[in-house]
Structure formats: structure tokens, C-alpha cells
Amino acid sequence: MNFDYNTTRKDLVLPEYGRNVQKMVDYLKTISDKEERNRLARGIINVMGNLNPHLRDIADFKHKLWDHLAIMSNFELDIDSPYEMPTPGKLHSKPRMVKYPQSKIRYKHYGKAIEMMINKAIEMEEGEEKQALIVLIANHMKKQYLTWNKDAVQDYVIFGDLKELSNGQIVITEDDLKLAESKDILSKNRSKKRNNNQRKNK
């Protein structure tokens, strides 16, 4: 009796689909009638989708399944795919280099997003919406400051930084606005960190 061990079989191209699906794809390549080949290809796609339901959470998951079918066939299938079939060259091509922003951040603990929000507030017309955004920015700046510096900070420091970052176009004093208390922000930061650590340890 001859036993068929996995160690003697050829490696699977995409192991997550299993050997039976790979055998289906190999058989599909032997079908000479294109209409029958297309029909069976759609059936295999349905099987692949049922075996990997997590792919349904991925954008264009059907497109992903058809790409996987092409890969499993070693790009040798002549079928009418609803999507452009990938090629080995495109699959193995290096990703384009990501361009990093070159603009200098004046206060790194506040981050670039704060500077963008400040610029947006400057552009807005005077009114309740602009004031609400400024309050949001100032409170977020205080939260970011305490996240990095781990110490209490007076509101006037935040207002001074906001004035500088806005090039003097947003001026707030302690008489105008009372920000969240440092102890409350620090307490929330510690609680968030503790919860994150607990989730990691589970």
C-alpha cells in the first residue's frame, strides 16, 4: 500500500485554500472548452470565498479571489475574469516609494495634524463654528502636551503655543477659555494605557 504524505507533495501556492482547491485549479487548466472553463472558474471562486469568509471584510474581496485564482494557476488560465488578470511582473513588482512630508513641524509633540487644524480655523469666517474648532484644538493640544511631557501644564502655555503656531492670528487668554484640568487628562491617559495593556495581555 502506498501512502500519500504531504511531505512528498508539491508545495501549495496559497496554503490557506487547501490542497483540494489547488487540485480543482489544476483540473481547470486541463479543460479545453472555454465556456465550461469559465463556468467551473466561477464555481471555484465561490468555494474559495466560503473557505475564507474573512476576505469579505476586505474591499473588493471578489477581485482578490480572482487574483488568487490566477496565482494558483501560475497565471496560465485563459478565462473571462470580471477583473483584469494580474501578471507575474505586476505581482512581484516593488511598491512605489512613499513620499514623506518634508515640511518641518514646529512642535513635534503636537503633531502635523494640529497645525493643519489651526490653518483650517484661520481660514474660517468668524462665528460659533470657528470658535468651537478653536476650543477643540486648544483642548487637544493640552492633551497631546501631557501625553508627551507627563506633567501638569498651565493653560497660558497652550494658548501661547497656539498663538505662535497661528502666527498671531488666534489669540486666547485664560479669561476667554478654561481648558480641561491636567489631572483629568492624565487620569484618562493612564486609564487608556492600562486598558491597552490589558487587551495586549489577553
N, C-alpha and C. Protein backbone atom coordinates (compact mmCIF):
# COMPACT_ATOMS: atom_id res chain seq x y z
N MET A 1 0.86 -1.20 0.00
CA MET A 1 0.00 0.00 0.00
C MET A 1 0.89 1.24 0.00
N ASN A 2 0.58 2.19 -0.89
CA ASN A 2 1.36 3.43 -0.97
C ASN A 2 0.61 4.55 -0.24
N PHE A 3 1.31 5.20 0.65
CA PHE A 3 0.72 6.32 1.37
C PHE A 3 1.15 7.64 0.73
N ASP A 4 0.20 8.59 0.68
CA ASP A 4 0.46 9.89 0.06
C ASP A 4 0.68 10.91 1.17
N TYR A 5 1.95 11.13 1.50
CA TYR A 5 2.26 12.06 2.59
C TYR A 5 2.38 13.49 2.04
N ASN A 6 2.01 14.47 2.89
CA ASN A 6 2.14 15.87 2.48
C ASN A 6 3.58 16.24 2.16
N THR A 7 4.53 15.55 2.83
CA THR A 7 5.94 15.89 2.61
C THR A 7 6.41 15.50 1.22
N THR A 8 5.67 14.61 0.57
CA THR A 8 6.06 14.18 -0.78
C THR A 8 5.32 14.95 -1.86
N ARG A 9 4.36 15.77 -1.45
CA ARG A 9 3.58 16.54 -2.42
C ARG A 9 4.25 17.88 -2.70
N LYS A 10 3.89 18.46 -3.82
CA LYS A 10 4.46 19.78 -4.12
C LYS A 10 3.83 20.82 -3.20
N ASP A 11 4.59 21.87 -2.91
CA ASP A 11 4.11 22.92 -2.03
C ASP A 11 2.91 23.63 -2.62
N LEU A 12 1.98 24.02 -1.75
CA LEU A 12 0.81 24.76 -2.20
C LEU A 12 1.18 26.22 -2.43
N VAL A 13 0.67 26.79 -3.49
CA VAL A 13 0.95 28.20 -3.80
C VAL A 13 0.32 29.10 -2.75
N LEU A 14 -0.96 28.83 -2.45
CA LEU A 14 -1.68 29.58 -1.42
C LEU A 14 -2.28 28.58 -0.43
N PRO A 15 -1.55 28.21 0.61
CA PRO A 15 -1.97 27.15 1.52
C PRO A 15 -3.32 27.39 2.20
N GLU A 16 -3.74 28.66 2.30
CA GLU A 16 -4.98 28.94 3.01
C GLU A 16 -6.21 28.34 2.33
N TYR A 17 -6.08 27.98 1.04
CA TYR A 17 -7.22 27.39 0.33
C TYR A 17 -7.20 25.86 0.37
N GLY A 18 -6.10 25.28 0.76
CA GLY A 18 -6.03 23.84 0.89
C GLY A 18 -5.71 23.13 -0.43
N ARG A 19 -5.38 21.84 -0.31
CA ARG A 19 -4.95 21.06 -1.47
C ARG A 19 -6.09 20.75 -2.42
N ASN A 20 -7.31 20.57 -1.89
CA ASN A 20 -8.44 20.23 -2.76
C ASN A 20 -8.75 21.35 -3.75
N VAL A 21 -8.69 22.59 -3.27
CA VAL A 21 -8.94 23.72 -4.18
C VAL A 21 -7.82 23.81 -5.21
N GLN A 22 -6.58 23.56 -4.79
CA GLN A 22 -5.47 23.57 -5.74
C GLN A 22 -5.67 22.51 -6.82
N LYS A 23 -6.19 21.34 -6.42
CA LYS A 23 -6.48 20.29 -7.40
C LYS A 23 -7.57 20.73 -8.37
N MET A 24 -8.57 21.45 -7.86
CA MET A 24 -9.62 21.99 -8.74
C MET A 24 -9.03 22.93 -9.78
N VAL A 25 -8.12 23.79 -9.32
CA VAL A 25 -7.50 24.75 -10.24
C VAL A 25 -6.64 24.02 -11.27
N ASP A 26 -5.90 23.01 -10.82
CA ASP A 26 -5.08 22.23 -11.76
C ASP A 26 -5.96 21.53 -12.80
N TYR A 27 -7.10 21.01 -12.35
CA TYR A 27 -8.03 20.36 -13.29
C TYR A 27 -8.62 21.38 -14.25
N LEU A 28 -8.92 22.57 -13.74
CA LEU A 28 -9.50 23.63 -14.58
C LEU A 28 -8.59 23.94 -15.76
N LYS A 29 -7.30 23.88 -15.56
CA LYS A 29 -6.33 24.18 -16.62
C LYS A 29 -6.37 23.14 -17.75
N THR A 30 -6.95 21.97 -17.47
CA THR A 30 -7.00 20.91 -18.49
C THR A 30 -8.26 20.97 -19.34
N ILE A 31 -9.23 21.80 -18.93
CA ILE A 31 -10.50 21.90 -19.68
C ILE A 31 -10.26 22.67 -20.98
N SER A 32 -10.60 22.06 -22.09
CA SER A 32 -10.36 22.69 -23.39
C SER A 32 -11.47 23.65 -23.79
N ASP A 33 -12.70 23.39 -23.35
CA ASP A 33 -13.83 24.25 -23.72
C ASP A 33 -13.85 25.49 -22.84
N LYS A 34 -13.74 26.66 -23.43
CA LYS A 34 -13.62 27.90 -22.65
C LYS A 34 -14.89 28.20 -21.87
N GLU A 35 -16.07 27.93 -22.46
CA GLU A 35 -17.32 28.20 -21.76
C GLU A 35 -17.41 27.34 -20.50
N GLU A 36 -17.03 26.07 -20.61
CA GLU A 36 -17.04 25.19 -19.45
C GLU A 36 -15.98 25.63 -18.43
N ARG A 37 -14.85 26.12 -18.95
CA ARG A 37 -13.77 26.60 -18.09
C ARG A 37 -14.24 27.81 -17.27
N ASN A 38 -14.96 28.71 -17.92
CA ASN A 38 -15.49 29.88 -17.23
C ASN A 38 -16.49 29.49 -16.15
N ARG A 39 -17.36 28.52 -16.48
CA ARG A 39 -18.37 28.07 -15.52
C ARG A 39 -17.72 27.45 -14.29
N LEU A 40 -16.73 26.61 -14.49
CA LEU A 40 -16.05 25.97 -13.38
C LEU A 40 -15.23 26.98 -12.57
N ALA A 41 -14.66 27.97 -13.26
CA ALA A 41 -13.89 29.00 -12.57
C ALA A 41 -14.77 29.76 -11.58
N ARG A 42 -16.01 30.09 -12.00
CA ARG A 42 -16.93 30.78 -11.10
C ARG A 42 -17.28 29.91 -9.90
N GLY A 43 -17.41 28.60 -10.14
CA GLY A 43 -17.69 27.68 -9.03
C GLY A 43 -16.54 27.63 -8.05
N ILE A 44 -15.32 27.60 -8.55
CA ILE A 44 -14.15 27.58 -7.67
C ILE A 44 -14.04 28.87 -6.86
N ILE A 45 -14.38 29.99 -7.47
CA ILE A 45 -14.36 31.28 -6.77
C ILE A 45 -15.32 31.24 -5.59
N ASN A 46 -16.50 30.65 -5.79
CA ASN A 46 -17.48 30.55 -4.70
C ASN A 46 -16.94 29.68 -3.56
N VAL A 47 -16.28 28.58 -3.92
CA VAL A 47 -15.70 27.71 -2.90
C VAL A 47 -14.61 28.46 -2.13
N MET A 48 -13.75 29.17 -2.84
CA MET A 48 -12.68 29.94 -2.20
C MET A 48 -13.24 30.98 -1.24
N GLY A 49 -14.33 31.64 -1.64
CA GLY A 49 -14.95 32.64 -0.78
C GLY A 49 -15.52 32.03 0.48
N ASN A 50 -16.12 30.83 0.36
CA ASN A 50 -16.70 30.16 1.53
C ASN A 50 -15.63 29.66 2.49
N LEU A 51 -14.47 29.30 1.95
CA LEU A 51 -13.37 28.81 2.80
C LEU A 51 -12.69 29.94 3.55
N ASN A 52 -12.79 31.15 3.03
CA ASN A 52 -12.11 32.30 3.64
C ASN A 52 -13.09 33.46 3.81
N PRO A 53 -14.08 33.31 4.71
CA PRO A 53 -15.08 34.37 4.88
C PRO A 53 -14.48 35.69 5.35
N HIS A 54 -13.27 35.64 5.96
CA HIS A 54 -12.66 36.89 6.43
C HIS A 54 -12.33 37.83 5.27
N LEU A 55 -12.21 37.28 4.06
CA LEU A 55 -11.91 38.13 2.91
C LEU A 55 -13.08 39.06 2.59
N ARG A 56 -14.27 38.71 3.11
CA ARG A 56 -15.44 39.56 2.84
C ARG A 56 -15.30 40.92 3.51
N ASP A 57 -14.42 41.03 4.50
CA ASP A 57 -14.19 42.31 5.17
C ASP A 57 -13.20 43.18 4.41
N ILE A 58 -12.59 42.60 3.36
CA ILE A 58 -11.62 43.34 2.57
C ILE A 58 -12.32 44.00 1.38
N ALA A 59 -11.97 45.25 1.12
CA ALA A 59 -12.54 45.94 -0.03
C ALA A 59 -12.24 45.17 -1.31
N ASP A 60 -13.25 45.05 -2.17
CA ASP A 60 -13.09 44.32 -3.44
C ASP A 60 -12.64 42.88 -3.22
N PHE A 61 -13.30 42.19 -2.26
CA PHE A 61 -12.84 40.84 -1.92
C PHE A 61 -13.00 39.90 -3.11
N LYS A 62 -14.02 40.11 -3.97
CA LYS A 62 -14.19 39.27 -5.16
C LYS A 62 -12.99 39.42 -6.09
N HIS A 63 -12.51 40.65 -6.22
CA HIS A 63 -11.33 40.91 -7.04
C HIS A 63 -10.14 40.14 -6.49
N LYS A 64 -10.02 40.13 -5.17
CA LYS A 64 -8.92 39.43 -4.52
C LYS A 64 -8.99 37.93 -4.81
N LEU A 65 -10.20 37.36 -4.79
CA LEU A 65 -10.36 35.93 -5.07
C LEU A 65 -9.95 35.59 -6.49
N TRP A 66 -10.32 36.42 -7.45
CA TRP A 66 -9.94 36.16 -8.85
C TRP A 66 -8.43 36.29 -9.03
N ASP A 67 -7.82 37.23 -8.32
CA ASP A 67 -6.36 37.34 -8.37
C ASP A 67 -5.71 36.07 -7.81
N HIS A 68 -6.27 35.56 -6.72
CA HIS A 68 -5.72 34.35 -6.11
C HIS A 68 -5.87 33.14 -7.04
N LEU A 69 -6.99 33.10 -7.76
CA LEU A 69 -7.19 32.01 -8.72
C LEU A 69 -6.11 32.05 -9.79
N ALA A 70 -5.80 33.23 -10.27
CA ALA A 70 -4.75 33.38 -11.29
C ALA A 70 -3.40 32.94 -10.74
N ILE A 71 -3.12 33.32 -9.52
CA ILE A 71 -1.84 32.96 -8.90
C ILE A 71 -1.73 31.44 -8.73
N MET A 72 -2.82 30.81 -8.29
CA MET A 72 -2.81 29.36 -8.07
C MET A 72 -2.67 28.58 -9.38
N SER A 73 -3.06 29.21 -10.48
CA SER A 73 -2.92 28.56 -11.78
C SER A 73 -1.59 28.88 -12.44
N ASN A 74 -0.72 29.57 -11.70
CA ASN A 74 0.56 30.02 -12.25
C ASN A 74 0.36 30.93 -13.45
N PHE A 75 -0.73 31.68 -13.43
CA PHE A 75 -1.07 32.67 -14.46
C PHE A 75 -1.26 32.01 -15.84
N GLU A 76 -1.74 30.76 -15.84
CA GLU A 76 -1.87 30.02 -17.10
C GLU A 76 -3.32 29.80 -17.49
N LEU A 77 -4.27 30.46 -16.82
CA LEU A 77 -5.68 30.27 -17.12
C LEU A 77 -6.16 31.24 -18.19
N ASP A 78 -6.85 30.71 -19.17
CA ASP A 78 -7.49 31.54 -20.20
C ASP A 78 -8.98 31.55 -19.88
N ILE A 79 -9.40 32.52 -19.09
CA ILE A 79 -10.80 32.62 -18.69
C ILE A 79 -11.25 34.07 -18.81
N ASP A 80 -12.57 34.25 -18.80
CA ASP A 80 -13.14 35.60 -18.87
C ASP A 80 -13.38 36.11 -17.45
N SER A 81 -12.36 36.66 -16.86
CA SER A 81 -12.47 37.19 -15.49
C SER A 81 -13.18 38.53 -15.52
N PRO A 82 -14.00 38.83 -14.51
CA PRO A 82 -14.64 40.15 -14.45
C PRO A 82 -13.66 41.26 -14.13
N TYR A 83 -12.41 40.88 -13.82
CA TYR A 83 -11.38 41.88 -13.49
C TYR A 83 -10.15 41.63 -14.36
N GLU A 84 -9.33 42.64 -14.46
CA GLU A 84 -8.07 42.47 -15.19
C GLU A 84 -7.20 41.47 -14.45
N MET A 85 -6.78 40.43 -15.17
CA MET A 85 -5.98 39.38 -14.54
C MET A 85 -4.57 39.89 -14.25
N PRO A 86 -4.05 39.56 -13.07
CA PRO A 86 -2.69 40.00 -12.74
C PRO A 86 -1.66 39.23 -13.55
N THR A 87 -0.48 39.79 -13.64
CA THR A 87 0.63 39.13 -14.32
C THR A 87 1.76 38.93 -13.32
N PRO A 88 2.65 37.97 -13.57
CA PRO A 88 3.77 37.77 -12.64
C PRO A 88 4.59 39.04 -12.42
N GLY A 89 4.79 39.81 -13.50
CA GLY A 89 5.58 41.03 -13.38
C GLY A 89 4.92 42.04 -12.47
N LYS A 90 3.59 42.18 -12.59
CA LYS A 90 2.88 43.13 -11.76
C LYS A 90 2.83 42.66 -10.31
N LEU A 91 2.70 41.36 -10.13
CA LEU A 91 2.60 40.80 -8.78
C LEU A 91 3.88 40.99 -8.00
N HIS A 92 5.01 40.80 -8.65
CA HIS A 92 6.30 40.84 -7.96
C HIS A 92 7.01 42.18 -8.08
N SER A 93 6.33 43.16 -8.66
CA SER A 93 6.96 44.48 -8.79
C SER A 93 7.07 45.15 -7.43
N LYS A 94 8.10 45.94 -7.26
CA LYS A 94 8.33 46.62 -6.00
C LYS A 94 7.29 47.73 -5.82
N PRO A 95 6.79 47.92 -4.60
CA PRO A 95 5.84 49.01 -4.37
C PRO A 95 6.51 50.36 -4.55
N ARG A 96 5.68 51.33 -4.95
CA ARG A 96 6.23 52.67 -5.12
C ARG A 96 6.67 53.25 -3.78
N MET A 97 7.75 53.99 -3.81
CA MET A 97 8.28 54.58 -2.58
C MET A 97 7.30 55.64 -2.06
N VAL A 98 7.02 55.56 -0.78
CA VAL A 98 6.11 56.52 -0.15
C VAL A 98 6.86 57.81 0.13
N LYS A 99 6.29 58.91 -0.32
CA LYS A 99 6.91 60.20 -0.08
C LYS A 99 6.51 60.72 1.30
N TYR A 100 7.49 61.04 2.09
CA TYR A 100 7.21 61.57 3.41
C TYR A 100 7.17 63.10 3.34
N PRO A 101 6.28 63.69 4.13
CA PRO A 101 6.19 65.16 4.12
C PRO A 101 7.51 65.79 4.53
N GLN A 102 7.90 66.80 3.78
CA GLN A 102 9.18 67.45 4.05
C GLN A 102 9.05 68.69 4.92
N SER A 103 7.79 69.12 5.15
CA SER A 103 7.61 70.34 5.94
C SER A 103 7.99 70.11 7.39
N LYS A 104 8.62 71.09 7.98
CA LYS A 104 9.10 70.99 9.36
C LYS A 104 7.95 71.22 10.33
N ILE A 105 7.89 70.39 11.37
CA ILE A 105 6.88 70.54 12.41
C ILE A 105 7.50 71.32 13.56
N ARG A 106 6.89 72.45 13.91
CA ARG A 106 7.49 73.32 14.91
C ARG A 106 7.46 72.70 16.31
N TYR A 107 6.36 72.07 16.65
CA TYR A 107 6.23 71.39 17.94
C TYR A 107 5.84 69.93 17.67
N LYS A 108 6.81 69.05 17.77
CA LYS A 108 6.56 67.66 17.40
C LYS A 108 5.54 66.98 18.31
N HIS A 109 5.47 67.42 19.57
CA HIS A 109 4.51 66.77 20.47
C HIS A 109 3.07 67.10 20.12
N TYR A 110 2.85 68.17 19.34
CA TYR A 110 1.50 68.47 18.88
C TYR A 110 1.18 67.74 17.58
N GLY A 111 2.18 67.53 16.75
CA GLY A 111 1.98 66.82 15.50
C GLY A 111 1.53 67.72 14.37
N LYS A 112 1.63 67.19 13.15
CA LYS A 112 1.27 67.95 11.95
C LYS A 112 -0.23 68.19 11.85
N ALA A 113 -1.03 67.25 12.37
CA ALA A 113 -2.49 67.38 12.25
C ALA A 113 -2.99 68.64 12.95
N ILE A 114 -2.38 68.97 14.09
CA ILE A 114 -2.79 70.17 14.82
C ILE A 114 -2.51 71.42 13.99
N GLU A 115 -1.36 71.47 13.34
CA GLU A 115 -1.02 72.62 12.51
C GLU A 115 -2.02 72.76 11.36
N MET A 116 -2.44 71.63 10.79
CA MET A 116 -3.42 71.67 9.70
C MET A 116 -4.77 72.16 10.21
N MET A 117 -5.15 71.73 11.42
CA MET A 117 -6.42 72.18 12.00
C MET A 117 -6.38 73.68 12.30
N ILE A 118 -5.23 74.16 12.77
CA ILE A 118 -5.08 75.60 13.04
C ILE A 118 -5.23 76.40 11.74
N ASN A 119 -4.58 75.93 10.68
CA ASN A 119 -4.69 76.63 9.40
C ASN A 119 -6.14 76.66 8.90
N LYS A 120 -6.86 75.55 9.15
CA LYS A 120 -8.27 75.49 8.76
C LYS A 120 -9.08 76.50 9.55
N ALA A 121 -8.80 76.61 10.86
CA ALA A 121 -9.53 77.57 11.71
C ALA A 121 -9.27 79.00 11.26
N ILE A 122 -8.04 79.29 10.87
CA ILE A 122 -7.69 80.64 10.41
C ILE A 122 -8.49 81.01 9.17
N GLU A 123 -8.71 80.05 8.28
CA GLU A 123 -9.43 80.31 7.03
C GLU A 123 -10.93 80.52 7.23
N MET A 124 -11.46 80.02 8.34
CA MET A 124 -12.91 80.07 8.56
C MET A 124 -13.39 81.48 8.90
N GLU A 125 -14.64 81.76 8.56
CA GLU A 125 -15.24 83.04 8.93
C GLU A 125 -15.54 83.03 10.42
N GLU A 126 -15.54 84.24 11.00
CA GLU A 126 -15.83 84.35 12.43
C GLU A 126 -17.23 83.84 12.71
N GLY A 127 -17.36 83.14 13.84
CA GLY A 127 -18.68 82.61 14.20
C GLY A 127 -18.54 81.45 15.17
N GLU A 128 -19.68 80.86 15.53
CA GLU A 128 -19.70 79.80 16.53
C GLU A 128 -18.91 78.57 16.06
N GLU A 129 -18.99 78.25 14.78
CA GLU A 129 -18.29 77.07 14.27
C GLU A 129 -16.78 77.22 14.40
N LYS A 130 -16.29 78.41 14.07
CA LYS A 130 -14.85 78.67 14.21
C LYS A 130 -14.43 78.61 15.66
N GLN A 131 -15.22 79.19 16.56
CA GLN A 131 -14.88 79.19 17.97
C GLN A 131 -14.89 77.77 18.54
N ALA A 132 -15.83 76.96 18.09
CA ALA A 132 -15.91 75.57 18.56
C ALA A 132 -14.66 74.79 18.13
N LEU A 133 -14.19 75.06 16.90
CA LEU A 133 -12.99 74.38 16.41
C LEU A 133 -11.76 74.81 17.20
N ILE A 134 -11.67 76.10 17.52
CA ILE A 134 -10.53 76.60 18.29
C ILE A 134 -10.50 75.98 19.68
N VAL A 135 -11.66 75.86 20.31
CA VAL A 135 -11.75 75.21 21.63
C VAL A 135 -11.28 73.76 21.53
N LEU A 136 -11.73 73.07 20.48
CA LEU A 136 -11.34 71.68 20.26
C LEU A 136 -9.82 71.56 20.07
N ILE A 137 -9.26 72.47 19.27
CA ILE A 137 -7.82 72.47 19.02
C ILE A 137 -7.04 72.68 20.31
N ALA A 138 -7.44 73.67 21.10
CA ALA A 138 -6.72 74.01 22.33
C ALA A 138 -6.75 72.84 23.31
N ASN A 139 -7.90 72.21 23.47
CA ASN A 139 -8.00 71.07 24.38
C ASN A 139 -7.18 69.88 23.89
N HIS A 140 -7.17 69.70 22.58
CA HIS A 140 -6.39 68.58 22.02
C HIS A 140 -4.90 68.86 22.17
N MET A 141 -4.49 70.11 22.03
CA MET A 141 -3.09 70.48 22.24
C MET A 141 -2.66 70.18 23.67
N LYS A 142 -3.53 70.49 24.63
CA LYS A 142 -3.20 70.22 26.03
C LYS A 142 -3.08 68.72 26.27
N LYS A 143 -3.99 67.97 25.67
CA LYS A 143 -3.94 66.50 25.80
C LYS A 143 -2.64 65.95 25.21
N GLN A 144 -2.25 66.44 24.02
CA GLN A 144 -1.02 65.99 23.39
C GLN A 144 0.21 66.39 24.20
N TYR A 145 0.17 67.59 24.74
CA TYR A 145 1.29 68.08 25.56
C TYR A 145 1.51 67.16 26.76
N LEU A 146 0.43 66.79 27.43
CA LEU A 146 0.53 65.95 28.62
C LEU A 146 0.87 64.50 28.27
N THR A 147 0.49 64.08 27.08
CA THR A 147 0.83 62.71 26.65
C THR A 147 2.34 62.56 26.54
N TRP A 148 3.00 63.60 26.05
CA TRP A 148 4.45 63.52 25.82
C TRP A 148 5.26 64.01 27.02
N ASN A 149 4.75 64.99 27.76
CA ASN A 149 5.55 65.58 28.83
C ASN A 149 5.25 65.02 30.21
N LYS A 150 4.10 64.33 30.36
CA LYS A 150 3.77 63.63 31.60
C LYS A 150 3.77 64.53 32.83
N ASP A 151 3.43 65.78 32.65
CA ASP A 151 3.44 66.70 33.79
C ASP A 151 2.32 67.71 33.59
N ALA A 152 1.97 68.40 34.65
CA ALA A 152 0.93 69.42 34.55
C ALA A 152 1.40 70.56 33.66
N VAL A 153 0.47 71.24 33.03
CA VAL A 153 0.79 72.37 32.17
C VAL A 153 -0.28 73.43 32.37
N GLN A 154 0.16 74.67 32.46
CA GLN A 154 -0.77 75.78 32.63
C GLN A 154 -1.41 76.13 31.28
N ASP A 155 -2.66 76.58 31.34
CA ASP A 155 -3.38 76.89 30.11
C ASP A 155 -2.68 77.97 29.29
N TYR A 156 -2.02 78.92 29.97
CA TYR A 156 -1.39 80.02 29.24
C TYR A 156 -0.27 79.51 28.33
N VAL A 157 0.35 78.37 28.70
CA VAL A 157 1.39 77.79 27.85
C VAL A 157 0.77 77.30 26.54
N ILE A 158 -0.36 76.64 26.66
CA ILE A 158 -1.07 76.14 25.47
C ILE A 158 -1.51 77.30 24.60
N PHE A 159 -2.06 78.34 25.22
CA PHE A 159 -2.53 79.49 24.45
C PHE A 159 -1.36 80.20 23.77
N GLY A 160 -0.22 80.24 24.43
CA GLY A 160 0.96 80.86 23.82
C GLY A 160 1.43 80.06 22.60
N ASP A 161 1.43 78.74 22.75
CA ASP A 161 1.83 77.90 21.61
C ASP A 161 0.84 78.04 20.46
N LEU A 162 -0.45 78.12 20.79
CA LEU A 162 -1.48 78.28 19.76
C LEU A 162 -1.30 79.61 19.03
N LYS A 163 -0.98 80.64 19.76
CA LYS A 163 -0.74 81.95 19.14
C LYS A 163 0.45 81.89 18.20
N GLU A 164 1.52 81.21 18.65
CA GLU A 164 2.72 81.11 17.81
C GLU A 164 2.46 80.28 16.57
N LEU A 165 1.79 79.14 16.73
CA LEU A 165 1.52 78.25 15.60
C LEU A 165 0.58 78.90 14.58
N SER A 166 -0.27 79.82 15.03
CA SER A 166 -1.19 80.50 14.12
C SER A 166 -0.62 81.82 13.62
N ASN A 167 0.67 82.06 13.94
CA ASN A 167 1.33 83.32 13.54
C ASN A 167 0.56 84.54 14.04
N GLY A 168 0.07 84.44 15.29
CA GLY A 168 -0.61 85.56 15.93
C GLY A 168 -2.04 85.77 15.50
N GLN A 169 -2.61 84.85 14.71
CA GLN A 169 -3.97 85.05 14.21
C GLN A 169 -5.04 84.44 15.12
N ILE A 170 -4.63 83.60 16.05
CA ILE A 170 -5.57 83.06 17.04
C ILE A 170 -5.01 83.39 18.42
N VAL A 171 -5.68 84.30 19.10
CA VAL A 171 -5.21 84.77 20.40
C VAL A 171 -6.29 84.49 21.44
N ILE A 172 -5.94 83.70 22.44
CA ILE A 172 -6.86 83.34 23.53
C ILE A 172 -6.15 83.60 24.85
N THR A 173 -6.89 84.05 25.83
CA THR A 173 -6.35 84.23 27.17
C THR A 173 -7.09 83.31 28.14
N GLU A 174 -6.56 83.21 29.35
CA GLU A 174 -7.20 82.37 30.37
C GLU A 174 -8.56 82.92 30.77
N ASP A 175 -8.78 84.22 30.51
CA ASP A 175 -10.11 84.80 30.80
C ASP A 175 -11.12 84.37 29.75
N ASP A 176 -10.64 84.04 28.54
CA ASP A 176 -11.54 83.66 27.46
C ASP A 176 -12.00 82.20 27.55
N LEU A 177 -11.09 81.34 28.01
CA LEU A 177 -11.38 79.91 27.91
C LEU A 177 -10.69 79.13 29.03
N LYS A 178 -11.41 78.18 29.61
CA LYS A 178 -10.86 77.28 30.62
C LYS A 178 -10.78 75.88 30.01
N LEU A 179 -9.56 75.36 29.90
CA LEU A 179 -9.36 74.04 29.31
C LEU A 179 -9.58 72.95 30.35
N ALA A 180 -9.63 71.72 29.88
CA ALA A 180 -9.79 70.58 30.78
C ALA A 180 -8.64 70.54 31.78
N GLU A 181 -8.92 70.08 33.00
CA GLU A 181 -7.90 70.03 34.03
C GLU A 181 -6.82 69.01 33.67
N SER A 182 -5.57 69.36 34.00
CA SER A 182 -4.44 68.46 33.70
C SER A 182 -4.63 67.10 34.37
N LYS A 183 -5.10 67.09 35.63
CA LYS A 183 -5.24 65.83 36.36
C LYS A 183 -6.27 64.92 35.71
N ASP A 184 -7.33 65.53 35.14
CA ASP A 184 -8.36 64.72 34.46
C ASP A 184 -7.81 64.09 33.19
N ILE A 185 -7.02 64.89 32.44
CA ILE A 185 -6.43 64.38 31.20
C ILE A 185 -5.44 63.27 31.51
N LEU A 186 -4.58 63.50 32.52
CA LEU A 186 -3.59 62.49 32.90
C LEU A 186 -4.25 61.21 33.38
N SER A 187 -5.36 61.35 34.11
CA SER A 187 -6.09 60.18 34.60
C SER A 187 -6.65 59.37 33.43
N LYS A 188 -7.20 60.06 32.42
CA LYS A 188 -7.73 59.37 31.24
C LYS A 188 -6.61 58.69 30.46
N ASN A 189 -5.47 59.38 30.36
CA ASN A 189 -4.32 58.80 29.65
C ASN A 189 -3.85 57.52 30.32
N ARG A 190 -3.78 57.54 31.67
CA ARG A 190 -3.34 56.35 32.39
C ARG A 190 -4.35 55.22 32.25
N SER A 191 -5.63 55.57 32.29
CA SER A 191 -6.68 54.55 32.15
C SER A 191 -6.66 53.93 30.75
N LYS A 192 -6.44 54.76 29.73
CA LYS A 192 -6.37 54.26 28.36
C LYS A 192 -5.17 53.33 28.19
N LYS A 193 -4.03 53.73 28.76
CA LYS A 193 -2.82 52.91 28.66
C LYS A 193 -3.01 51.58 29.36
N ARG A 194 -3.67 51.61 30.54
CA ARG A 194 -3.92 50.39 31.30
C ARG A 194 -4.84 49.45 30.52
N ASN A 195 -5.87 49.99 29.91
CA ASN A 195 -6.79 49.16 29.12
C ASN A 195 -6.11 48.55 27.91
N ASN A 196 -5.23 49.33 27.26
CA ASN A 196 -4.49 48.81 26.11
C ASN A 196 -3.57 47.67 26.51
N ASN A 197 -2.92 47.82 27.67
CA ASN A 197 -2.03 46.76 28.15
C ASN A 197 -2.81 45.50 28.49
N GLN A 198 -4.00 45.67 29.05
CA GLN A 198 -4.83 44.51 29.40
C GLN A 198 -5.27 43.76 28.14
N ARG A 199 -5.61 44.52 27.08
CA ARG A 199 -6.03 43.89 25.82
C ARG A 199 -4.86 43.11 25.18
N LYS A 200 -3.64 43.68 25.29
CA LYS A 200 -2.47 43.02 24.73
C LYS A 200 -2.15 41.72 25.46
N ASN A 201 -2.42 41.70 26.77
CA ASN A 201 -2.08 40.54 27.58
C ASN A 201 -3.10 39.42 27.49
N LYS A 202 -4.26 39.71 26.89
CA LYS A 202 -5.31 38.68 26.77
C LYS A 202 -4.94 37.67 25.71
